[in-house]
Amino acid sequence: MSDDTERLLYQDAQVHVIARCPPLTILLVGEVDITNSQELARTLRRSWNGGEPLVVDTGALTFVDLSGLRVLALPALPPEDRWIRLINLTPCQKRLLDLMGWRQKARARPLA
């Protein structure tokens, strides 16, 4: 891992949150559940610049519960206010988003 292209933003026993640049992409590795979803939310909020959607790669997540899915999909916000764009969704993540009716909602504004 090169310090000028990747930086660890948060880690606990279950998940690593890594910033990759350029362009900025947040990589999630491990598991997100109720024990770490609030810290994940804070970390993502601190990483977002307030402009373009924050790109979050969930392909290396091995587990995500409903609390983590809420952090990532932002279902409580109107579509135009969603600021996270998920990439590399696993089949299980897609299925959960579909079951909750949040899959379309998880796709924030497209990147320019």
C-alpha atoms as a PDB file:
ATOM      1  CA  MET A   1       0.000   0.000   0.000  1.00  0.00           C
ATOM      2  CA  SER A   2       1.536   3.313  -1.107  1.00  0.00           C
ATOM      3  CA  ASP A   3       1.000   6.270   1.233  1.00  0.00           C
ATOM      4  CA  ASP A   4       0.465   8.706  -1.647  1.00  0.00           C
ATOM      5  CA  THR A   5      -2.331   6.660  -3.257  1.00  0.00           C
ATOM      6  CA  GLU A   6      -4.031   4.922  -0.299  1.00  0.00           C
ATOM      7  CA  ARG A   7      -4.743   6.026   3.246  1.00  0.00           C
ATOM      8  CA  LEU A   8      -6.441   4.198   6.095  1.00  0.00           C
ATOM      9  CA  LEU A   9      -9.343   6.338   7.349  1.00  0.00           C
ATOM     10  CA  TYR A  10     -10.787   3.979   9.956  1.00  0.00           C
ATOM     11  CA  GLN A  11     -10.392   0.434  11.164  1.00  0.00           C
ATOM     12  CA  ASP A  12     -11.755  -1.784  13.872  1.00  0.00           C
ATOM     13  CA  ALA A  13     -11.775  -5.541  14.393  1.00  0.00           C
ATOM     14  CA  GLN A  14     -14.248  -5.991  11.526  1.00  0.00           C
ATOM     15  CA  VAL A  15     -13.747  -3.341   8.861  1.00  0.00           C
ATOM     16  CA  HIS A  16     -11.065  -1.239   7.191  1.00  0.00           C
ATOM     17  CA  VAL A  17     -12.075   2.000   5.462  1.00  0.00           C
ATOM     18  CA  ILE A  18      -9.437   3.026   2.923  1.00  0.00           C
ATOM     19  CA  ALA A  19      -9.260   6.152   0.761  1.00  0.00           C
ATOM     20  CA  ARG A  20      -7.763   5.619  -2.701  1.00  0.00           C
ATOM     21  CA  CYS A  21      -6.702   8.545  -4.868  1.00  0.00           C
ATOM     22  CA  PRO A  22      -6.930   9.770  -7.556  1.00  0.00           C
ATOM     23  CA  PRO A  23      -9.830   9.944  -8.091  1.00  0.00           C
ATOM     24  CA  LEU A  24     -11.095   9.588  -4.543  1.00  0.00           C
ATOM     25  CA  THR A  25     -12.711   6.207  -3.934  1.00  0.00           C
ATOM     26  CA  ILE A  26     -13.487   4.787  -0.519  1.00  0.00           C
ATOM     27  CA  LEU A  27     -12.812   1.058  -0.256  1.00  0.00           C
ATOM     28  CA  LEU A  28     -14.599  -0.962   2.445  1.00  0.00           C
ATOM     29  CA  VAL A  29     -12.965  -4.254   3.453  1.00  0.00           C
ATOM     30  CA  GLY A  30     -14.503  -6.679   5.950  1.00  0.00           C
ATOM     31  CA  GLU A  31     -17.845  -6.454   7.744  1.00  0.00           C
ATOM     32  CA  VAL A  32     -20.204  -3.605   8.592  1.00  0.00           C
ATOM     33  CA  ASP A  33     -22.835  -4.079  11.282  1.00  0.00           C
ATOM     34  CA  ILE A  34     -24.460  -2.208  14.137  1.00  0.00           C
ATOM     35  CA  THR A  35     -21.175  -2.141  16.084  1.00  0.00           C
ATOM     36  CA  ASN A  36     -19.372  -0.020  13.485  1.00  0.00           C
ATOM     37  CA  SER A  37     -21.996   1.477  11.151  1.00  0.00           C
ATOM     38  CA  GLN A  38     -22.175   4.809  12.996  1.00  0.00           C
ATOM     39  CA  GLU A  39     -18.404   5.260  12.825  1.00  0.00           C
ATOM     40  CA  LEU A  40     -18.545   4.334   9.148  1.00  0.00           C
ATOM     41  CA  ALA A  41     -21.185   7.026   8.643  1.00  0.00           C
ATOM     42  CA  ARG A  42     -18.989   9.621  10.397  1.00  0.00           C
ATOM     43  CA  THR A  43     -15.930   8.570   8.382  1.00  0.00           C
ATOM     44  CA  LEU A  44     -17.792   8.788   5.069  1.00  0.00           C
ATOM     45  CA  ARG A  45     -19.280  12.184   5.965  1.00  0.00           C
ATOM     46  CA  ARG A  46     -15.799  13.534   6.813  1.00  0.00           C
ATOM     47  CA  SER A  47     -14.479  12.212   3.487  1.00  0.00           C
ATOM     48  CA  TRP A  48     -17.137  13.842   1.317  1.00  0.00           C
ATOM     49  CA  ASN A  49     -16.246  17.278  -0.059  1.00  0.00           C
ATOM     50  CA  GLY A  50     -19.851  18.414  -0.425  1.00  0.00           C
ATOM     51  CA  GLY A  51     -19.779  18.404  -4.224  1.00  0.00           C
ATOM     52  CA  GLU A  52     -19.753  15.301  -6.387  1.00  0.00           C
ATOM     53  CA  PRO A  53     -20.981  12.022  -4.903  1.00  0.00           C
ATOM     54  CA  LEU A  54     -18.532  10.083  -2.767  1.00  0.00           C
ATOM     55  CA  VAL A  55     -17.664   6.849  -4.578  1.00  0.00           C
ATOM     56  CA  VAL A  56     -17.732   3.856  -2.200  1.00  0.00           C
ATOM     57  CA  ASP A  57     -16.466   0.451  -3.355  1.00  0.00           C
ATOM     58  CA  THR A  58     -18.278  -2.326  -1.441  1.00  0.00           C
ATOM     59  CA  GLY A  59     -16.843  -5.254  -3.409  1.00  0.00           C
ATOM     60  CA  ALA A  60     -14.570  -6.379  -0.541  1.00  0.00           C
ATOM     61  CA  LEU A  61     -17.306  -6.362   2.106  1.00  0.00           C
ATOM     62  CA  THR A  62     -18.035  -9.901   3.274  1.00  0.00           C
ATOM     63  CA  PHE A  63     -21.057  -8.872   5.362  1.00  0.00           C
ATOM     64  CA  VAL A  64     -23.297  -5.834   5.756  1.00  0.00           C
ATOM     65  CA  ASP A  65     -26.366  -5.688   7.999  1.00  0.00           C
ATOM     66  CA  LEU A  66     -29.344  -3.350   7.755  1.00  0.00           C
ATOM     67  CA  SER A  67     -27.657  -0.606   9.809  1.00  0.00           C
ATOM     68  CA  GLY A  68     -24.698  -0.621   7.415  1.00  0.00           C
ATOM     69  CA  LEU A  69     -26.950  -0.749   4.391  1.00  0.00           C
ATOM     70  CA  ARG A  70     -28.789   2.348   5.626  1.00  0.00           C
ATOM     71  CA  VAL A  71     -25.470   4.198   5.939  1.00  0.00           C
ATOM     72  CA  LEU A  72     -24.515   3.277   2.376  1.00  0.00           C
ATOM     73  CA  ALA A  73     -27.868   3.609   0.580  1.00  0.00           C
ATOM     74  CA  LEU A  74     -29.095   6.788   2.349  1.00  0.00           C
ATOM     75  CA  PRO A  75     -32.765   5.744   1.904  1.00  0.00           C
ATOM     76  CA  ALA A  76     -34.115   8.558   4.104  1.00  0.00           C
ATOM     77  CA  LEU A  77     -32.811  11.262   1.745  1.00  0.00           C
ATOM     78  CA  PRO A  78     -34.544  12.374  -1.443  1.00  0.00           C
ATOM     79  CA  PRO A  79     -32.686  11.058  -4.513  1.00  0.00           C
ATOM     80  CA  GLU A  80     -31.240  14.474  -5.389  1.00  0.00           C
ATOM     81  CA  ASP A  81     -29.650  14.758  -1.923  1.00  0.00           C
ATOM     82  CA  ARG A  82     -27.950  11.360  -1.871  1.00  0.00           C
ATOM     83  CA  TRP A  83     -24.205  11.865  -1.814  1.00  0.00           C
ATOM     84  CA  ILE A  84     -22.865   8.293  -1.915  1.00  0.00           C
ATOM     85  CA  ARG A  85     -22.383   6.336  -5.141  1.00  0.00           C
ATOM     86  CA  LEU A  86     -21.865   2.605  -4.597  1.00  0.00           C
ATOM     87  CA  ILE A  87     -19.676   0.601  -6.970  1.00  0.00           C
ATOM     88  CA  ASN A  88     -18.715  -3.082  -7.188  1.00  0.00           C
ATOM     89  CA  LEU A  89     -21.812  -4.256  -5.338  1.00  0.00           C
ATOM     90  CA  THR A  90     -21.737  -7.982  -4.634  1.00  0.00           C
ATOM     91  CA  PRO A  91     -24.715 -10.117  -5.694  1.00  0.00           C
ATOM     92  CA  CYS A  92     -25.774 -10.380  -2.039  1.00  0.00           C
ATOM     93  CA  GLN A  93     -25.611  -6.593  -1.591  1.00  0.00           C
ATOM     94  CA  LYS A  94     -27.665  -6.091  -4.757  1.00  0.00           C
ATOM     95  CA  ARG A  95     -30.233  -8.594  -3.497  1.00  0.00           C
ATOM     96  CA  LEU A  96     -30.518  -6.852  -0.113  1.00  0.00           C
ATOM     97  CA  LEU A  97     -30.930  -3.459  -1.785  1.00  0.00           C
ATOM     98  CA  ASP A  98     -33.558  -4.929  -4.107  1.00  0.00           C
ATOM     99  CA  LEU A  99     -35.446  -6.542  -1.206  1.00  0.00           C
ATOM    100  CA  MET A 100     -35.504  -3.211   0.647  1.00  0.00           C
ATOM    101  CA  GLY A 101     -36.470  -1.315  -2.498  1.00  0.00           C
ATOM    102  CA  TRP A 102     -33.309   0.787  -2.208  1.00  0.00           C
ATOM    103  CA  ARG A 103     -31.262  -0.364  -5.198  1.00  0.00           C
ATOM    104  CA  GLN A 104     -32.194   2.548  -7.461  1.00  0.00           C
ATOM    105  CA  LYS A 105     -31.887   4.861  -4.491  1.00  0.00           C
ATOM    106  CA  ALA A 106     -28.351   3.622  -3.768  1.00  0.00           C
ATOM    107  CA  ARG A 107     -27.161   5.066  -7.066  1.00  0.00           C
ATOM    108  CA  ALA A 108     -26.536   8.709  -6.278  1.00  0.00           C
ATOM    109  CA  ARG A 109     -26.054  11.308  -8.996  1.00  0.00           C
ATOM    110  CA  PRO A 110     -23.823   9.949 -11.765  1.00  0.00           C
ATOM    111  CA  LEU A 111     -20.225  11.073 -11.892  1.00  0.00           C
ATOM    112  CA  ALA A 112     -19.433  13.620 -14.569  1.00  0.00           C
END
